[in-house]
Amino acid sequence: MQAPTPKALVVDDDAALRMLMRVNLELDGFAVSEAETLDEARESLDNGHPDVVLLDVHVGREHSGALLGELRAQGVLVAIVTGSADLADYRDIADAVIEKPFEPSALVELARRLARVAG
């Protein structure tokens, strides 16, 4: 029996970065949804929970802290992706933290590890 396809949601306002994350995750076998705004992320979550969410700290002009709290309350695994926040601020409230710029292979490895935990 084949393992189920892991699902990831990428939440970032940078279209090029979302595409980079999506392509690398898809090459590793993930089914990927993208959200450019926090509202889009919430709409995507209404259609089913992913195994892992890759969440930028600042999405547009919004801080993603409220969405992070909602995801954690629902038991969704979250990796914070940031280039502007202090990583130490998120180590205890997110499942993982990765700093921009990152190596695509490191992002995929992180998502794969979290998806295994979710599965």
N, C-alpha and C. Protein backbone atom coordinates (compact mmCIF):
# COMPACT_ATOMS: atom_id res chain seq x y z
N MET A 1 0.83 -1.18 0.00
CA MET A 1 0.00 0.00 0.00
C MET A 1 0.88 1.24 0.00
N GLN A 2 0.54 2.19 -0.85
CA GLN A 2 1.34 3.40 -0.98
C GLN A 2 0.97 4.41 0.11
N ALA A 3 1.98 5.08 0.64
CA ALA A 3 1.75 6.10 1.67
C ALA A 3 0.95 7.25 1.07
N PRO A 4 0.08 7.88 1.87
CA PRO A 4 -0.69 9.02 1.35
C PRO A 4 0.22 10.19 1.00
N THR A 5 -0.20 10.97 0.04
CA THR A 5 0.56 12.14 -0.38
C THR A 5 0.51 13.19 0.71
N PRO A 6 1.66 13.65 1.19
CA PRO A 6 1.64 14.70 2.21
C PRO A 6 1.16 16.02 1.61
N LYS A 7 0.44 16.80 2.42
CA LYS A 7 -0.11 18.07 1.96
C LYS A 7 0.55 19.22 2.71
N ALA A 8 0.90 20.26 1.95
CA ALA A 8 1.51 21.45 2.54
C ALA A 8 0.76 22.68 2.08
N LEU A 9 0.67 23.66 2.96
CA LEU A 9 0.14 24.98 2.62
C LEU A 9 1.28 25.98 2.80
N VAL A 10 1.57 26.74 1.74
CA VAL A 10 2.61 27.76 1.76
C VAL A 10 1.92 29.12 1.84
N VAL A 11 2.21 29.87 2.90
CA VAL A 11 1.60 31.19 3.11
C VAL A 11 2.71 32.23 3.10
N ASP A 12 2.76 33.00 2.00
CA ASP A 12 3.78 34.04 1.85
C ASP A 12 3.29 35.03 0.82
N ASP A 13 3.55 36.32 1.03
CA ASP A 13 3.09 37.33 0.07
C ASP A 13 4.04 37.50 -1.11
N ASP A 14 5.17 36.86 -1.10
CA ASP A 14 6.15 36.93 -2.18
C ASP A 14 5.88 35.80 -3.18
N ALA A 15 5.34 36.15 -4.36
CA ALA A 15 4.94 35.14 -5.35
C ALA A 15 6.11 34.27 -5.79
N ALA A 16 7.28 34.87 -5.99
CA ALA A 16 8.44 34.10 -6.44
C ALA A 16 8.88 33.10 -5.37
N LEU A 17 8.83 33.51 -4.13
CA LEU A 17 9.22 32.61 -3.04
C LEU A 17 8.20 31.48 -2.88
N ARG A 18 6.91 31.83 -3.00
CA ARG A 18 5.88 30.78 -2.94
C ARG A 18 6.10 29.75 -4.05
N MET A 19 6.42 30.23 -5.24
CA MET A 19 6.65 29.32 -6.36
C MET A 19 7.87 28.44 -6.08
N LEU A 20 8.94 29.01 -5.57
CA LEU A 20 10.14 28.24 -5.24
C LEU A 20 9.82 27.15 -4.23
N MET A 21 9.07 27.51 -3.19
CA MET A 21 8.71 26.52 -2.19
C MET A 21 7.79 25.45 -2.79
N ARG A 22 6.78 25.89 -3.54
CA ARG A 22 5.83 24.95 -4.13
C ARG A 22 6.52 23.95 -5.04
N VAL A 23 7.35 24.44 -5.97
CA VAL A 23 8.01 23.56 -6.93
C VAL A 23 8.89 22.54 -6.21
N ASN A 24 9.68 23.00 -5.24
CA ASN A 24 10.57 22.07 -4.54
C ASN A 24 9.79 21.05 -3.72
N LEU A 25 8.70 21.47 -3.10
CA LEU A 25 7.89 20.53 -2.34
C LEU A 25 7.20 19.53 -3.27
N GLU A 26 6.69 20.02 -4.40
CA GLU A 26 6.04 19.12 -5.35
C GLU A 26 7.02 18.10 -5.91
N LEU A 27 8.24 18.53 -6.17
CA LEU A 27 9.26 17.59 -6.66
C LEU A 27 9.55 16.50 -5.65
N ASP A 28 9.28 16.78 -4.38
CA ASP A 28 9.48 15.79 -3.33
C ASP A 28 8.20 15.01 -3.02
N GLY A 29 7.16 15.23 -3.80
CA GLY A 29 5.95 14.43 -3.64
C GLY A 29 4.83 15.05 -2.84
N PHE A 30 4.96 16.32 -2.45
CA PHE A 30 3.90 16.99 -1.70
C PHE A 30 2.81 17.49 -2.65
N ALA A 31 1.59 17.52 -2.16
CA ALA A 31 0.51 18.26 -2.79
C ALA A 31 0.52 19.62 -2.10
N VAL A 32 0.65 20.70 -2.87
CA VAL A 32 0.88 22.02 -2.28
C VAL A 32 -0.23 22.99 -2.65
N SER A 33 -0.72 23.70 -1.64
CA SER A 33 -1.63 24.83 -1.83
C SER A 33 -0.86 26.08 -1.46
N GLU A 34 -1.23 27.18 -2.10
CA GLU A 34 -0.56 28.46 -1.82
C GLU A 34 -1.58 29.49 -1.36
N ALA A 35 -1.12 30.40 -0.51
CA ALA A 35 -1.93 31.53 -0.08
C ALA A 35 -1.04 32.77 -0.05
N GLU A 36 -1.55 33.84 -0.66
CA GLU A 36 -0.81 35.11 -0.70
C GLU A 36 -1.17 36.00 0.48
N THR A 37 -2.34 35.74 1.07
CA THR A 37 -2.81 36.55 2.20
C THR A 37 -3.25 35.62 3.33
N LEU A 38 -3.43 36.18 4.50
CA LEU A 38 -3.91 35.39 5.63
C LEU A 38 -5.35 34.94 5.40
N ASP A 39 -6.16 35.79 4.74
CA ASP A 39 -7.53 35.39 4.42
C ASP A 39 -7.54 34.21 3.45
N GLU A 40 -6.67 34.22 2.45
CA GLU A 40 -6.57 33.08 1.53
C GLU A 40 -6.15 31.82 2.27
N ALA A 41 -5.25 31.98 3.23
CA ALA A 41 -4.81 30.82 4.02
C ALA A 41 -5.98 30.24 4.79
N ARG A 42 -6.78 31.09 5.40
CA ARG A 42 -7.94 30.60 6.16
C ARG A 42 -8.95 29.91 5.23
N GLU A 43 -9.15 30.46 4.04
CA GLU A 43 -10.05 29.83 3.06
C GLU A 43 -9.52 28.46 2.67
N SER A 44 -8.24 28.36 2.46
CA SER A 44 -7.63 27.08 2.11
C SER A 44 -7.82 26.06 3.23
N LEU A 45 -7.69 26.51 4.46
CA LEU A 45 -7.86 25.63 5.62
C LEU A 45 -9.30 25.15 5.75
N ASP A 46 -10.25 25.96 5.28
CA ASP A 46 -11.66 25.55 5.30
C ASP A 46 -11.90 24.34 4.39
N ASN A 47 -11.01 24.14 3.42
CA ASN A 47 -11.13 23.03 2.48
C ASN A 47 -10.35 21.79 2.93
N GLY A 48 -9.88 21.78 4.13
CA GLY A 48 -9.14 20.63 4.66
C GLY A 48 -7.79 21.05 5.20
N HIS A 49 -7.36 20.35 6.21
CA HIS A 49 -6.10 20.70 6.86
C HIS A 49 -4.92 20.02 6.19
N PRO A 50 -3.87 20.79 5.95
CA PRO A 50 -2.64 20.20 5.42
C PRO A 50 -1.87 19.50 6.54
N ASP A 51 -0.88 18.72 6.14
CA ASP A 51 -0.01 18.08 7.13
C ASP A 51 0.94 19.10 7.76
N VAL A 52 1.30 20.12 6.97
CA VAL A 52 2.23 21.14 7.45
C VAL A 52 1.91 22.47 6.77
N VAL A 53 2.06 23.55 7.52
CA VAL A 53 1.92 24.90 6.99
C VAL A 53 3.26 25.59 7.09
N LEU A 54 3.71 26.16 5.99
CA LEU A 54 4.93 26.97 5.96
C LEU A 54 4.46 28.42 5.95
N LEU A 55 4.65 29.11 7.06
CA LEU A 55 4.01 30.39 7.32
C LEU A 55 5.03 31.50 7.50
N ASP A 56 4.94 32.51 6.64
CA ASP A 56 5.78 33.70 6.79
C ASP A 56 5.25 34.51 7.98
N VAL A 57 6.14 35.16 8.70
CA VAL A 57 5.74 35.96 9.86
C VAL A 57 4.97 37.20 9.42
N HIS A 58 5.43 37.86 8.37
CA HIS A 58 4.78 39.07 7.87
C HIS A 58 4.23 38.76 6.48
N VAL A 59 2.91 38.76 6.38
CA VAL A 59 2.24 38.48 5.11
C VAL A 59 1.55 39.77 4.70
N GLY A 60 2.13 40.43 3.68
CA GLY A 60 1.65 41.76 3.34
C GLY A 60 1.95 42.67 4.52
N ARG A 61 0.94 43.39 4.94
CA ARG A 61 1.11 44.29 6.09
C ARG A 61 0.63 43.65 7.39
N GLU A 62 0.26 42.38 7.30
CA GLU A 62 -0.27 41.70 8.47
C GLU A 62 0.79 40.81 9.13
N HIS A 63 0.68 40.71 10.43
CA HIS A 63 1.51 39.78 11.19
C HIS A 63 0.72 38.49 11.30
N SER A 64 1.37 37.36 11.11
CA SER A 64 0.66 36.08 11.06
C SER A 64 0.48 35.41 12.43
N GLY A 65 0.74 36.12 13.50
CA GLY A 65 0.64 35.54 14.83
C GLY A 65 -0.74 34.97 15.15
N ALA A 66 -1.81 35.67 14.76
CA ALA A 66 -3.17 35.17 15.04
C ALA A 66 -3.42 33.87 14.30
N LEU A 67 -3.01 33.80 13.03
CA LEU A 67 -3.19 32.57 12.26
C LEU A 67 -2.35 31.45 12.86
N LEU A 68 -1.15 31.76 13.29
CA LEU A 68 -0.31 30.75 13.94
C LEU A 68 -1.04 30.16 15.15
N GLY A 69 -1.64 31.02 15.96
CA GLY A 69 -2.39 30.56 17.12
C GLY A 69 -3.56 29.68 16.74
N GLU A 70 -4.29 30.06 15.69
CA GLU A 70 -5.42 29.26 15.21
C GLU A 70 -4.96 27.89 14.75
N LEU A 71 -3.87 27.86 13.99
CA LEU A 71 -3.35 26.59 13.48
C LEU A 71 -2.91 25.69 14.62
N ARG A 72 -2.21 26.25 15.59
CA ARG A 72 -1.74 25.46 16.73
C ARG A 72 -2.92 24.90 17.53
N ALA A 73 -3.98 25.72 17.68
CA ALA A 73 -5.16 25.27 18.42
C ALA A 73 -5.85 24.11 17.70
N GLN A 74 -5.72 24.05 16.39
CA GLN A 74 -6.32 22.98 15.59
C GLN A 74 -5.39 21.79 15.45
N GLY A 75 -4.19 21.88 16.00
CA GLY A 75 -3.25 20.78 15.93
C GLY A 75 -2.50 20.66 14.61
N VAL A 76 -2.51 21.74 13.82
CA VAL A 76 -1.79 21.75 12.54
C VAL A 76 -0.33 22.08 12.81
N LEU A 77 0.58 21.33 12.20
CA LEU A 77 2.01 21.58 12.37
C LEU A 77 2.42 22.78 11.53
N VAL A 78 3.20 23.68 12.14
CA VAL A 78 3.57 24.94 11.49
C VAL A 78 5.07 25.15 11.54
N ALA A 79 5.63 25.48 10.37
CA ALA A 79 7.01 25.92 10.28
C ALA A 79 6.99 27.40 9.94
N ILE A 80 7.57 28.21 10.79
CA ILE A 80 7.68 29.64 10.54
C ILE A 80 8.83 29.86 9.56
N VAL A 81 8.56 30.66 8.53
CA VAL A 81 9.57 31.01 7.52
C VAL A 81 9.72 32.53 7.60
N THR A 82 10.91 33.00 7.98
CA THR A 82 11.05 34.45 8.17
C THR A 82 12.45 34.94 7.85
N GLY A 83 12.48 36.16 7.39
CA GLY A 83 13.75 36.84 7.20
C GLY A 83 13.81 38.10 8.03
N SER A 84 12.74 38.37 8.77
CA SER A 84 12.68 39.65 9.47
C SER A 84 12.38 39.54 10.96
N ALA A 85 12.06 38.36 11.44
CA ALA A 85 11.72 38.22 12.86
C ALA A 85 12.83 37.48 13.59
N ASP A 86 12.85 37.67 14.88
CA ASP A 86 13.81 36.98 15.72
C ASP A 86 13.37 35.52 15.85
N LEU A 87 14.18 34.62 15.36
CA LEU A 87 13.83 33.20 15.36
C LEU A 87 13.52 32.69 16.76
N ALA A 88 14.21 33.19 17.75
CA ALA A 88 14.01 32.73 19.12
C ALA A 88 12.58 33.01 19.60
N ASP A 89 11.94 34.03 19.04
CA ASP A 89 10.58 34.36 19.44
C ASP A 89 9.58 33.27 19.06
N TYR A 90 9.95 32.41 18.12
CA TYR A 90 9.00 31.42 17.59
C TYR A 90 9.37 29.98 17.92
N ARG A 91 10.52 29.77 18.48
CA ARG A 91 10.97 28.40 18.76
C ARG A 91 10.04 27.63 19.69
N ASP A 92 9.39 28.32 20.60
CA ASP A 92 8.52 27.63 21.56
C ASP A 92 7.06 27.59 21.12
N ILE A 93 6.69 28.34 20.08
CA ILE A 93 5.28 28.35 19.68
C ILE A 93 5.04 27.75 18.31
N ALA A 94 6.08 27.52 17.54
CA ALA A 94 5.95 26.85 16.24
C ALA A 94 6.65 25.50 16.34
N ASP A 95 6.33 24.63 15.40
CA ASP A 95 6.97 23.31 15.40
C ASP A 95 8.38 23.38 14.84
N ALA A 96 8.64 24.38 14.02
CA ALA A 96 9.97 24.57 13.45
C ALA A 96 10.08 26.00 12.95
N VAL A 97 11.30 26.45 12.78
CA VAL A 97 11.58 27.79 12.27
C VAL A 97 12.70 27.68 11.25
N ILE A 98 12.52 28.35 10.11
CA ILE A 98 13.58 28.39 9.10
C ILE A 98 13.74 29.83 8.64
N GLU A 99 14.98 30.23 8.50
CA GLU A 99 15.30 31.62 8.17
C GLU A 99 15.48 31.80 6.68
N LYS A 100 14.94 32.91 6.16
CA LYS A 100 15.17 33.30 4.77
C LYS A 100 16.49 34.05 4.71
N PRO A 101 17.29 33.90 3.71
CA PRO A 101 17.13 32.93 2.63
C PRO A 101 17.49 31.53 3.13
N PHE A 102 16.89 30.53 2.53
CA PHE A 102 17.12 29.15 2.93
C PHE A 102 17.49 28.33 1.69
N GLU A 103 18.12 27.23 1.95
CA GLU A 103 18.39 26.27 0.88
C GLU A 103 17.09 25.51 0.63
N PRO A 104 16.65 25.40 -0.62
CA PRO A 104 15.41 24.66 -0.88
C PRO A 104 15.43 23.25 -0.29
N SER A 105 16.57 22.59 -0.32
CA SER A 105 16.63 21.23 0.23
C SER A 105 16.38 21.24 1.74
N ALA A 106 16.81 22.28 2.44
CA ALA A 106 16.56 22.38 3.88
C ALA A 106 15.07 22.58 4.15
N LEU A 107 14.40 23.38 3.33
CA LEU A 107 12.97 23.59 3.48
C LEU A 107 12.22 22.28 3.25
N VAL A 108 12.56 21.56 2.20
CA VAL A 108 11.90 20.30 1.89
C VAL A 108 12.13 19.28 3.00
N GLU A 109 13.35 19.21 3.50
CA GLU A 109 13.67 18.29 4.59
C GLU A 109 12.84 18.61 5.83
N LEU A 110 12.72 19.88 6.14
CA LEU A 110 11.92 20.32 7.28
C LEU A 110 10.45 19.95 7.09
N ALA A 111 9.90 20.23 5.92
CA ALA A 111 8.51 19.90 5.64
C ALA A 111 8.28 18.40 5.70
N ARG A 112 9.22 17.63 5.17
CA ARG A 112 9.10 16.17 5.17
C ARG A 112 9.09 15.64 6.61
N ARG A 113 9.98 16.19 7.44
CA ARG A 113 10.05 15.76 8.84
C ARG A 113 8.73 16.06 9.56
N LEU A 114 8.18 17.25 9.36
CA LEU A 114 6.93 17.60 10.01
C LEU A 114 5.76 16.77 9.46
N ALA A 115 5.75 16.51 8.17
CA ALA A 115 4.68 15.70 7.58
C ALA A 115 4.70 14.28 8.15
N ARG A 116 5.88 13.76 8.42
CA ARG A 116 5.98 12.43 9.05
C ARG A 116 5.37 12.45 10.44
N VAL A 117 5.59 13.54 11.17
CA VAL A 117 5.03 13.67 12.51
C VAL A 117 3.50 13.73 12.40
N ALA A 118 2.99 14.46 11.40
CA ALA A 118 1.55 14.62 11.23
C ALA A 118 0.90 13.30 10.82
N GLY A 119 1.63 12.52 10.02
CA GLY A 119 1.06 11.27 9.50
C GLY A 119 1.07 10.24 10.52
